[in-house]
Amino acid sequence: MKITEAQNEVILAAADSDLIDKEFREGKFHIKVLSGFYGNARVSDNTFIASLGLCTIANLVGKHVVRLATDSDFIDSENVIYIDGIPYAQLAKIIE
């Protein structure tokens, strides 16, 4: 997982650790799970869920992190796409 701040946004990028530095393609979808973007920090499930509560944007890749996000009601399972069988979801919060 990795958290960055840019233009008043708190961006969380998280991926299952076994997906780091791998690439997936399916049809028009293509994703590179680069450690430079998704980070190398391994965190507990509780820390990850708490971080979802703090971020304004999230990019999530993998069965474990996407399941945690859906089980915690941050992501609706209907909004998860699959790229070569790998779950991928994005979260954007509108803060007024």
PDB file of N, CA and C in Angstrom:
ATOM      1  N   MET A   1       0.844  -1.172   0.000  1.00  0.00           N
ATOM      2  CA  MET A   1       0.000   0.000   0.000  1.00  0.00           C
ATOM      3  C   MET A   1       0.893   1.240   0.000  1.00  0.00           C
ATOM      4  N   LYS A   2       0.343   2.306  -0.557  1.00  0.00           N
ATOM      5  CA  LYS A   2       1.063   3.580  -0.574  1.00  0.00           C
ATOM      6  C   LYS A   2       0.039   4.702  -0.515  1.00  0.00           C
ATOM      7  N   ILE A   3       0.326   5.718   0.280  1.00  0.00           N
ATOM      8  CA  ILE A   3      -0.533   6.896   0.361  1.00  0.00           C
ATOM      9  C   ILE A   3       0.280   8.098  -0.081  1.00  0.00           C
ATOM     10  N   THR A   4      -0.293   8.876  -0.986  1.00  0.00           N
ATOM     11  CA  THR A   4       0.336  10.120  -1.431  1.00  0.00           C
ATOM     12  C   THR A   4      -0.699  11.231  -1.397  1.00  0.00           C
ATOM     13  N   GLU A   5      -0.226  12.449  -1.415  1.00  0.00           N
ATOM     14  CA  GLU A   5      -1.104  13.612  -1.478  1.00  0.00           C
ATOM     15  C   GLU A   5      -0.755  14.413  -2.716  1.00  0.00           C
ATOM     16  N   ALA A   6      -1.800  14.827  -3.436  1.00  0.00           N
ATOM     17  CA  ALA A   6      -1.605  15.641  -4.629  1.00  0.00           C
ATOM     18  C   ALA A   6      -2.850  16.473  -4.872  1.00  0.00           C
ATOM     19  N   GLN A   7      -2.669  17.752  -5.077  1.00  0.00           N
ATOM     20  CA  GLN A   7      -3.756  18.669  -5.413  1.00  0.00           C
ATOM     21  C   GLN A   7      -4.950  18.503  -4.481  1.00  0.00           C
ATOM     22  N   ASN A   8      -4.690  18.552  -3.185  1.00  0.00           N
ATOM     23  CA  ASN A   8      -5.714  18.454  -2.139  1.00  0.00           C
ATOM     24  C   ASN A   8      -6.427  17.108  -2.107  1.00  0.00           C
ATOM     25  N   GLU A   9      -5.835  16.083  -2.682  1.00  0.00           N
ATOM     26  CA  GLU A   9      -6.389  14.729  -2.643  1.00  0.00           C
ATOM     27  C   GLU A   9      -5.451  13.827  -1.854  1.00  0.00           C
ATOM     28  N   VAL A  10      -6.028  12.887  -1.135  1.00  0.00           N
ATOM     29  CA  VAL A  10      -5.258  11.850  -0.458  1.00  0.00           C
ATOM     30  C   VAL A  10      -5.490  10.579  -1.259  1.00  0.00           C
ATOM     31  N   ILE A  11      -4.430  10.089  -1.891  1.00  0.00           N
ATOM     32  CA  ILE A  11      -4.539   8.975  -2.837  1.00  0.00           C
ATOM     33  C   ILE A  11      -3.957   7.715  -2.205  1.00  0.00           C
ATOM     34  N   LEU A  12      -4.791   6.698  -2.126  1.00  0.00           N
ATOM     35  CA  LEU A  12      -4.386   5.401  -1.614  1.00  0.00           C
ATOM     36  C   LEU A  12      -4.292   4.435  -2.786  1.00  0.00           C
ATOM     37  N   ALA A  13      -3.156   3.797  -2.916  1.00  0.00           N
ATOM     38  CA  ALA A  13      -2.986   2.748  -3.918  1.00  0.00           C
ATOM     39  C   ALA A  13      -2.614   1.488  -3.158  1.00  0.00           C
ATOM     40  N   ALA A  14      -3.354   0.402  -3.425  1.00  0.00           N
ATOM     41  CA  ALA A  14      -3.087  -0.841  -2.713  1.00  0.00           C
ATOM     42  C   ALA A  14      -3.293  -2.025  -3.642  1.00  0.00           C
ATOM     43  N   ALA A  15      -2.438  -3.016  -3.475  1.00  0.00           N
ATOM     44  CA  ALA A  15      -2.525  -4.237  -4.279  1.00  0.00           C
ATOM     45  C   ALA A  15      -2.122  -5.423  -3.414  1.00  0.00           C
ATOM     46  N   ASP A  16      -2.662  -6.566  -3.748  1.00  0.00           N
ATOM     47  CA  ASP A  16      -2.199  -7.792  -3.106  1.00  0.00           C
ATOM     48  C   ASP A  16      -0.704  -7.926  -3.386  1.00  0.00           C
ATOM     49  N   SER A  17       0.060  -8.314  -2.388  1.00  0.00           N
ATOM     50  CA  SER A  17       1.521  -8.326  -2.521  1.00  0.00           C
ATOM     51  C   SER A  17       2.018  -9.246  -3.634  1.00  0.00           C
ATOM     52  N   ASP A  18       1.283 -10.306  -3.928  1.00  0.00           N
ATOM     53  CA  ASP A  18       1.744 -11.214  -4.979  1.00  0.00           C
ATOM     54  C   ASP A  18       1.539 -10.665  -6.385  1.00  0.00           C
ATOM     55  N   LEU A  19       0.887  -9.508  -6.495  1.00  0.00           N
ATOM     56  CA  LEU A  19       0.641  -8.898  -7.802  1.00  0.00           C
ATOM     57  C   LEU A  19       1.629  -7.787  -8.154  1.00  0.00           C
ATOM     58  N   ILE A  20       2.424  -7.360  -7.159  1.00  0.00           N
ATOM     59  CA  ILE A  20       3.355  -6.256  -7.379  1.00  0.00           C
ATOM     60  C   ILE A  20       4.336  -6.611  -8.499  1.00  0.00           C
ATOM     61  N   ASP A  21       4.524  -5.637  -9.387  1.00  0.00           N
ATOM     62  CA  ASP A  21       5.420  -5.719 -10.536  1.00  0.00           C
ATOM     63  C   ASP A  21       4.966  -6.743 -11.584  1.00  0.00           C
ATOM     64  N   LYS A  22       3.651  -6.968 -11.635  1.00  0.00           N
ATOM     65  CA  LYS A  22       3.086  -7.813 -12.684  1.00  0.00           C
ATOM     66  C   LYS A  22       2.172  -6.972 -13.565  1.00  0.00           C
ATOM     67  N   GLU A  23       1.854  -7.508 -14.716  1.00  0.00           N
ATOM     68  CA  GLU A  23       1.063  -6.799 -15.717  1.00  0.00           C
ATOM     69  C   GLU A  23      -0.083  -7.710 -16.161  1.00  0.00           C
ATOM     70  N   PHE A  24      -1.262  -7.111 -16.340  1.00  0.00           N
ATOM     71  CA  PHE A  24      -2.438  -7.878 -16.735  1.00  0.00           C
ATOM     72  C   PHE A  24      -3.156  -7.173 -17.879  1.00  0.00           C
ATOM     73  N   ARG A  25      -3.661  -7.985 -18.824  1.00  0.00           N
ATOM     74  CA  ARG A  25      -4.386  -7.469 -19.980  1.00  0.00           C
ATOM     75  C   ARG A  25      -5.618  -8.327 -20.215  1.00  0.00           C
ATOM     76  N   GLU A  26      -6.685  -7.638 -20.617  1.00  0.00           N
ATOM     77  CA  GLU A  26      -7.887  -8.339 -21.065  1.00  0.00           C
ATOM     78  C   GLU A  26      -8.692  -7.358 -21.905  1.00  0.00           C
ATOM     79  N   GLY A  27      -8.847  -7.687 -23.159  1.00  0.00           N
ATOM     80  CA  GLY A  27      -9.581  -6.795 -24.053  1.00  0.00           C
ATOM     81  C   GLY A  27      -8.953  -5.415 -24.064  1.00  0.00           C
ATOM     82  N   LYS A  28      -9.765  -4.388 -23.827  1.00  0.00           N
ATOM     83  CA  LYS A  28      -9.264  -3.009 -23.834  1.00  0.00           C
ATOM     84  C   LYS A  28      -8.625  -2.595 -22.510  1.00  0.00           C
ATOM     85  N   PHE A  29      -8.662  -3.484 -21.511  1.00  0.00           N
ATOM     86  CA  PHE A  29      -8.117  -3.157 -20.198  1.00  0.00           C
ATOM     87  C   PHE A  29      -6.685  -3.658 -20.061  1.00  0.00           C
ATOM     88  N   HIS A  30      -5.875  -2.824 -19.410  1.00  0.00           N
ATOM     89  CA  HIS A  30      -4.463  -3.137 -19.205  1.00  0.00           C
ATOM     90  C   HIS A  30      -4.025  -2.459 -17.918  1.00  0.00           C
ATOM     91  N   ILE A  31      -3.370  -3.204 -17.058  1.00  0.00           N
ATOM     92  CA  ILE A  31      -2.881  -2.607 -15.817  1.00  0.00           C
ATOM     93  C   ILE A  31      -1.500  -3.159 -15.490  1.00  0.00           C
ATOM     94  N   LYS A  32      -0.624  -2.248 -15.079  1.00  0.00           N
ATOM     95  CA  LYS A  32       0.691  -2.619 -14.567  1.00  0.00           C
ATOM     96  C   LYS A  32       0.667  -2.301 -13.073  1.00  0.00           C
ATOM     97  N   VAL A  33       0.908  -3.290 -12.270  1.00  0.00           N
ATOM     98  CA  VAL A  33       0.869  -3.129 -10.819  1.00  0.00           C
ATOM     99  C   VAL A  33       2.296  -2.821 -10.350  1.00  0.00           C
ATOM    100  N   LEU A  34       2.709  -1.601 -10.559  1.00  0.00           N
ATOM    101  CA  LEU A  34       4.082  -1.180 -10.288  1.00  0.00           C
ATOM    102  C   LEU A  34       4.274  -0.811  -8.821  1.00  0.00           C
ATOM    103  N   SER A  35       5.375  -1.266  -8.252  1.00  0.00           N
ATOM    104  CA  SER A  35       5.656  -0.962  -6.847  1.00  0.00           C
ATOM    105  C   SER A  35       5.828   0.535  -6.614  1.00  0.00           C
ATOM    106  N   GLY A  36       6.279   1.259  -7.620  1.00  0.00           N
ATOM    107  CA  GLY A  36       6.429   2.701  -7.486  1.00  0.00           C
ATOM    108  C   GLY A  36       5.113   3.417  -7.249  1.00  0.00           C
ATOM    109  N   PHE A  37       4.032   2.870  -7.767  1.00  0.00           N
ATOM    110  CA  PHE A  37       2.706   3.467  -7.573  1.00  0.00           C
ATOM    111  C   PHE A  37       1.965   2.809  -6.413  1.00  0.00           C
ATOM    112  N   TYR A  38       1.944   1.481  -6.385  1.00  0.00           N
ATOM    113  CA  TYR A  38       1.177   0.755  -5.366  1.00  0.00           C
ATOM    114  C   TYR A  38       1.934   0.569  -4.065  1.00  0.00           C
ATOM    115  N   GLY A  39       3.213   0.829  -4.066  1.00  0.00           N
ATOM    116  CA  GLY A  39       4.012   0.771  -2.851  1.00  0.00           C
ATOM    117  C   GLY A  39       4.455  -0.630  -2.484  1.00  0.00           C
ATOM    118  N   ASN A  40       5.292  -0.672  -1.461  1.00  0.00           N
ATOM    119  CA  ASN A  40       5.805  -1.939  -0.936  1.00  0.00           C
ATOM    120  C   ASN A  40       5.469  -2.128   0.534  1.00  0.00           C
ATOM    121  N   ALA A  41       4.738  -1.182   1.109  1.00  0.00           N
ATOM    122  CA  ALA A  41       4.410  -1.276   2.532  1.00  0.00           C
ATOM    123  C   ALA A  41       3.319  -2.317   2.753  1.00  0.00           C
ATOM    124  N   ARG A  42       3.633  -3.303   3.559  1.00  0.00           N
ATOM    125  CA  ARG A  42       2.634  -4.312   3.949  1.00  0.00           C
ATOM    126  C   ARG A  42       1.987  -3.820   5.236  1.00  0.00           C
ATOM    127  N   VAL A  43       0.677  -3.779   5.241  1.00  0.00           N
ATOM    128  CA  VAL A  43      -0.052  -3.289   6.415  1.00  0.00           C
ATOM    129  C   VAL A  43      -1.112  -4.307   6.808  1.00  0.00           C
ATOM    130  N   SER A  44      -1.601  -4.170   8.030  1.00  0.00           N
ATOM    131  CA  SER A  44      -2.662  -5.052   8.502  1.00  0.00           C
ATOM    132  C   SER A  44      -3.972  -4.702   7.796  1.00  0.00           C
ATOM    133  N   ASP A  45      -4.908  -5.632   7.839  1.00  0.00           N
ATOM    134  CA  ASP A  45      -6.225  -5.369   7.260  1.00  0.00           C
ATOM    135  C   ASP A  45      -6.871  -4.155   7.919  1.00  0.00           C
ATOM    136  N   ASN A  46      -6.734  -4.025   9.236  1.00  0.00           N
ATOM    137  CA  ASN A  46      -7.326  -2.892   9.945  1.00  0.00           C
ATOM    138  C   ASN A  46      -6.719  -1.563   9.516  1.00  0.00           C
ATOM    139  N   THR A  47      -5.408  -1.536   9.317  1.00  0.00           N
ATOM    140  CA  THR A  47      -4.746  -0.309   8.855  1.00  0.00           C
ATOM    141  C   THR A  47      -5.212   0.044   7.450  1.00  0.00           C
ATOM    142  N   PHE A  48      -5.330  -0.957   6.592  1.00  0.00           N
ATOM    143  CA  PHE A  48      -5.806  -0.718   5.233  1.00  0.00           C
ATOM    144  C   PHE A  48      -7.220  -0.144   5.240  1.00  0.00           C
ATOM    145  N   ILE A  49      -8.117  -0.738   6.009  1.00  0.00           N
ATOM    146  CA  ILE A  49      -9.506  -0.267   6.075  1.00  0.00           C
ATOM    147  C   ILE A  49      -9.563   1.152   6.646  1.00  0.00           C
ATOM    148  N   ALA A  50      -8.779   1.429   7.674  1.00  0.00           N
ATOM    149  CA  ALA A  50      -8.727   2.783   8.237  1.00  0.00           C
ATOM    150  C   ALA A  50      -8.220   3.775   7.200  1.00  0.00           C
ATOM    151  N   SER A  51      -7.248   3.365   6.391  1.00  0.00           N
ATOM    152  CA  SER A  51      -6.713   4.240   5.341  1.00  0.00           C
ATOM    153  C   SER A  51      -7.759   4.518   4.271  1.00  0.00           C
ATOM    154  N   LEU A  52      -8.603   3.529   3.964  1.00  0.00           N
ATOM    155  CA  LEU A  52      -9.704   3.770   3.020  1.00  0.00           C
ATOM    156  C   LEU A  52     -10.632   4.857   3.544  1.00  0.00           C
ATOM    157  N   GLY A  53     -10.815   4.893   4.849  1.00  0.00           N
ATOM    158  CA  GLY A  53     -11.665   5.918   5.439  1.00  0.00           C
ATOM    159  C   GLY A  53     -11.073   7.311   5.348  1.00  0.00           C
ATOM    160  N   LEU A  54      -9.762   7.410   5.248  1.00  0.00           N
ATOM    161  CA  LEU A  54      -9.081   8.708   5.207  1.00  0.00           C
ATOM    162  C   LEU A  54      -8.836   9.237   3.802  1.00  0.00           C
ATOM    163  N   CYS A  55      -8.742   8.343   2.826  1.00  0.00           N
ATOM    164  CA  CYS A  55      -8.375   8.778   1.478  1.00  0.00           C
ATOM    165  C   CYS A  55      -9.568   9.406   0.749  1.00  0.00           C
ATOM    166  N   THR A  56      -9.253  10.165  -0.296  1.00  0.00           N
ATOM    167  CA  THR A  56     -10.300  10.717  -1.160  1.00  0.00           C
ATOM    168  C   THR A  56     -10.346   9.988  -2.496  1.00  0.00           C
ATOM    169  N   ILE A  57      -9.249   9.328  -2.852  1.00  0.00           N
ATOM    170  CA  ILE A  57      -9.160   8.540  -4.084  1.00  0.00           C
ATOM    171  C   ILE A  57      -8.425   7.246  -3.743  1.00  0.00           C
ATOM    172  N   ALA A  58      -8.898   6.132  -4.300  1.00  0.00           N
ATOM    173  CA  ALA A  58      -8.193   4.858  -4.092  1.00  0.00           C
ATOM    174  C   ALA A  58      -8.170   4.062  -5.387  1.00  0.00           C
ATOM    175  N   ASN A  59      -7.058   3.397  -5.612  1.00  0.00           N
ATOM    176  CA  ASN A  59      -6.885   2.445  -6.710  1.00  0.00           C
ATOM    177  C   ASN A  59      -6.523   1.119  -6.068  1.00  0.00           C
ATOM    178  N   LEU A  60      -7.354   0.101  -6.305  1.00  0.00           N
ATOM    179  CA  LEU A  60      -7.211  -1.167  -5.608  1.00  0.00           C
ATOM    180  C   LEU A  60      -7.129  -2.319  -6.596  1.00  0.00           C
ATOM    181  N   VAL A  61      -6.164  -3.220  -6.376  1.00  0.00           N
ATOM    182  CA  VAL A  61      -5.974  -4.360  -7.265  1.00  0.00           C
ATOM    183  C   VAL A  61      -5.767  -5.618  -6.434  1.00  0.00           C
ATOM    184  N   GLY A  62      -6.525  -6.653  -6.743  1.00  0.00           N
ATOM    185  CA  GLY A  62      -6.313  -7.944  -6.107  1.00  0.00           C
ATOM    186  C   GLY A  62      -7.505  -8.429  -5.305  1.00  0.00           C
ATOM    187  N   LYS A  63      -7.598  -9.729  -5.182  1.00  0.00           N
ATOM    188  CA  LYS A  63      -8.732 -10.350  -4.491  1.00  0.00           C
ATOM    189  C   LYS A  63      -8.841  -9.896  -3.043  1.00  0.00           C
ATOM    190  N   HIS A  64      -7.719  -9.857  -2.345  1.00  0.00           N
ATOM    191  CA  HIS A  64      -7.760  -9.543  -0.917  1.00  0.00           C
ATOM    192  C   HIS A  64      -8.149  -8.083  -0.662  1.00  0.00           C
ATOM    193  N   VAL A  65      -7.435  -7.134  -1.283  1.00  0.00           N
ATOM    194  CA  VAL A  65      -7.726  -5.726  -0.994  1.00  0.00           C
ATOM    195  C   VAL A  65      -9.106  -5.315  -1.509  1.00  0.00           C
ATOM    196  N   VAL A  66      -9.516  -5.821  -2.641  1.00  0.00           N
ATOM    197  CA  VAL A  66     -10.843  -5.465  -3.167  1.00  0.00           C
ATOM    198  C   VAL A  66     -11.933  -6.087  -2.287  1.00  0.00           C
ATOM    199  N   ARG A  67     -11.722  -7.316  -1.821  1.00  0.00           N
ATOM    200  CA  ARG A  67     -12.705  -7.934  -0.927  1.00  0.00           C
ATOM    201  C   ARG A  67     -12.822  -7.151   0.378  1.00  0.00           C
ATOM    202  N   LEU A  68     -11.703  -6.714   0.941  1.00  0.00           N
ATOM    203  CA  LEU A  68     -11.758  -5.899   2.154  1.00  0.00           C
ATOM    204  C   LEU A  68     -12.537  -4.611   1.915  1.00  0.00           C
ATOM    205  N   ALA A  69     -12.319  -3.994   0.769  1.00  0.00           N
ATOM    206  CA  ALA A  69     -13.009  -2.743   0.444  1.00  0.00           C
ATOM    207  C   ALA A  69     -14.511  -2.963   0.248  1.00  0.00           C
ATOM    208  N   THR A  70     -14.895  -4.068  -0.381  1.00  0.00           N
ATOM    209  CA  THR A  70     -16.325  -4.339  -0.581  1.00  0.00           C
ATOM    210  C   THR A  70     -16.978  -4.773   0.730  1.00  0.00           C
ATOM    211  N   ASP A  71     -16.303  -5.614   1.497  1.00  0.00           N
ATOM    212  CA  ASP A  71     -16.858  -6.058   2.782  1.00  0.00           C
ATOM    213  C   ASP A  71     -17.031  -4.903   3.757  1.00  0.00           C
ATOM    214  N   SER A  72     -16.221  -3.854   3.611  1.00  0.00           N
ATOM    215  CA  SER A  72     -16.289  -2.682   4.490  1.00  0.00           C
ATOM    216  C   SER A  72     -17.160  -1.574   3.907  1.00  0.00           C
ATOM    217  N   ASP A  73     -17.849  -1.868   2.807  1.00  0.00           N
ATOM    218  CA  ASP A  73     -18.788  -0.934   2.162  1.00  0.00           C
ATOM    219  C   ASP A  73     -18.140   0.323   1.580  1.00  0.00           C
ATOM    220  N   PHE A  74     -16.869   0.238   1.210  1.00  0.00           N
ATOM    221  CA  PHE A  74     -16.234   1.342   0.499  1.00  0.00           C
ATOM    222  C   PHE A  74     -16.444   1.202  -1.007  1.00  0.00           C
ATOM    223  N   ILE A  75     -16.565  -0.028  -1.477  1.00  0.00           N
ATOM    224  CA  ILE A  75     -16.756  -0.329  -2.895  1.00  0.00           C
ATOM    225  C   ILE A  75     -17.971  -1.234  -3.033  1.00  0.00           C
ATOM    226  N   ASP A  76     -18.845  -0.933  -3.986  1.00  0.00           N
ATOM    227  CA  ASP A  76     -19.958  -1.815  -4.303  1.00  0.00           C
ATOM    228  C   ASP A  76     -19.433  -2.906  -5.235  1.00  0.00           C
ATOM    229  N   SER A  77     -19.720  -4.150  -4.916  1.00  0.00           N
ATOM    230  CA  SER A  77     -19.179  -5.252  -5.713  1.00  0.00           C
ATOM    231  C   SER A  77     -19.592  -5.180  -7.178  1.00  0.00           C
ATOM    232  N   GLU A  78     -20.685  -4.500  -7.484  1.00  0.00           N
ATOM    233  CA  GLU A  78     -21.116  -4.334  -8.876  1.00  0.00           C
ATOM    234  C   GLU A  78     -20.188  -3.409  -9.658  1.00  0.00           C
ATOM    235  N   ASN A  79     -19.358  -2.663  -8.943  1.00  0.00           N
ATOM    236  CA  ASN A  79     -18.445  -1.713  -9.588  1.00  0.00           C
ATOM    237  C   ASN A  79     -17.026  -2.246  -9.713  1.00  0.00           C
ATOM    238  N   VAL A  80     -16.819  -3.498  -9.410  1.00  0.00           N
ATOM    239  CA  VAL A  80     -15.508  -4.123  -9.552  1.00  0.00           C
ATOM    240  C   VAL A  80     -15.396  -4.694 -10.959  1.00  0.00           C
ATOM    241  N   ILE A  81     -14.284  -4.394 -11.615  1.00  0.00           N
ATOM    242  CA  ILE A  81     -14.036  -5.001 -12.923  1.00  0.00           C
ATOM    243  C   ILE A  81     -12.938  -6.045 -12.751  1.00  0.00           C
ATOM    244  N   TYR A  82     -12.829  -6.917 -13.728  1.00  0.00           N
ATOM    245  CA  TYR A  82     -11.818  -7.968 -13.687  1.00  0.00           C
ATOM    246  C   TYR A  82     -10.958  -7.866 -14.931  1.00  0.00           C
ATOM    247  N   ILE A  83      -9.658  -7.834 -14.713  1.00  0.00           N
ATOM    248  CA  ILE A  83      -8.692  -7.776 -15.794  1.00  0.00           C
ATOM    249  C   ILE A  83      -7.871  -9.061 -15.719  1.00  0.00           C
ATOM    250  N   ASP A  84      -8.066  -9.924 -16.676  1.00  0.00           N
ATOM    251  CA  ASP A  84      -7.397 -11.229 -16.689  1.00  0.00           C
ATOM    252  C   ASP A  84      -7.662 -11.984 -15.379  1.00  0.00           C
ATOM    253  N   GLY A  85      -8.894 -11.849 -14.868  1.00  0.00           N
ATOM    254  CA  GLY A  85      -9.303 -12.535 -13.649  1.00  0.00           C
ATOM    255  C   GLY A  85      -8.933 -11.841 -12.354  1.00  0.00           C
ATOM    256  N   ILE A  86      -8.251 -10.698 -12.440  1.00  0.00           N
ATOM    257  CA  ILE A  86      -7.804  -9.963 -11.256  1.00  0.00           C
ATOM    258  C   ILE A  86      -8.789  -8.830 -10.960  1.00  0.00           C
ATOM    259  N   PRO A  87      -9.368  -8.781  -9.740  1.00  0.00           N
ATOM    260  CA  PRO A  87     -10.291  -7.698  -9.395  1.00  0.00           C
ATOM    261  C   PRO A  87      -9.577  -6.344  -9.346  1.00  0.00           C
ATOM    262  N   TYR A  88     -10.265  -5.318  -9.863  1.00  0.00           N
ATOM    263  CA  TYR A  88      -9.744  -3.950  -9.872  1.00  0.00           C
ATOM    264  C   TYR A  88     -10.892  -3.009  -9.544  1.00  0.00           C
ATOM    265  N   ALA A  89     -10.643  -2.058  -8.665  1.00  0.00           N
ATOM    266  CA  ALA A  89     -11.676  -1.079  -8.305  1.00  0.00           C
ATOM    267  C   ALA A  89     -11.037   0.270  -8.022  1.00  0.00           C
ATOM    268  N   GLN A  90     -11.821   1.311  -8.262  1.00  0.00           N
ATOM    269  CA  GLN A  90     -11.411   2.662  -7.941  1.00  0.00           C
ATOM    270  C   GLN A  90     -12.454   3.280  -7.029  1.00  0.00           C
ATOM    271  N   LEU A  91     -11.993   4.168  -6.172  1.00  0.00           N
ATOM    272  CA  LEU A  91     -12.859   4.874  -5.246  1.00  0.00           C
ATOM    273  C   LEU A  91     -12.586   6.357  -5.373  1.00  0.00           C
ATOM    274  N   ALA A  92     -13.631   7.151  -5.463  1.00  0.00           N
ATOM    275  CA  ALA A  92     -13.488   8.606  -5.458  1.00  0.00           C
ATOM    276  C   ALA A  92     -14.550   9.165  -4.530  1.00  0.00           C
ATOM    277  N   LYS A  93     -14.128   9.934  -3.533  1.00  0.00           N
ATOM    278  CA  LYS A  93     -15.055  10.542  -2.585  1.00  0.00           C
ATOM    279  C   LYS A  93     -15.216  12.015  -2.938  1.00  0.00           C
ATOM    280  N   ILE A  94     -16.438  12.459  -2.890  1.00  0.00           N
ATOM    281  CA  ILE A  94     -16.717  13.873  -3.111  1.00  0.00           C
ATOM    282  C   ILE A  94     -16.871  14.521  -1.748  1.00  0.00           C
ATOM    283  N   ILE A  95     -15.961  15.419  -1.443  1.00  0.00           N
ATOM    284  CA  ILE A  95     -15.958  16.121  -0.171  1.00  0.00           C
ATOM    285  C   ILE A  95     -16.464  17.535  -0.408  1.00  0.00           C
ATOM    286  N   GLU A  96     -17.502  17.895   0.319  1.00  0.00           N
ATOM    287  CA  GLU A  96     -18.055  19.250   0.136  1.00  0.00           C
ATOM    288  C   GLU A  96     -17.624  20.141   1.255  1.00  0.00           C
TER     289      GLU A  96
END
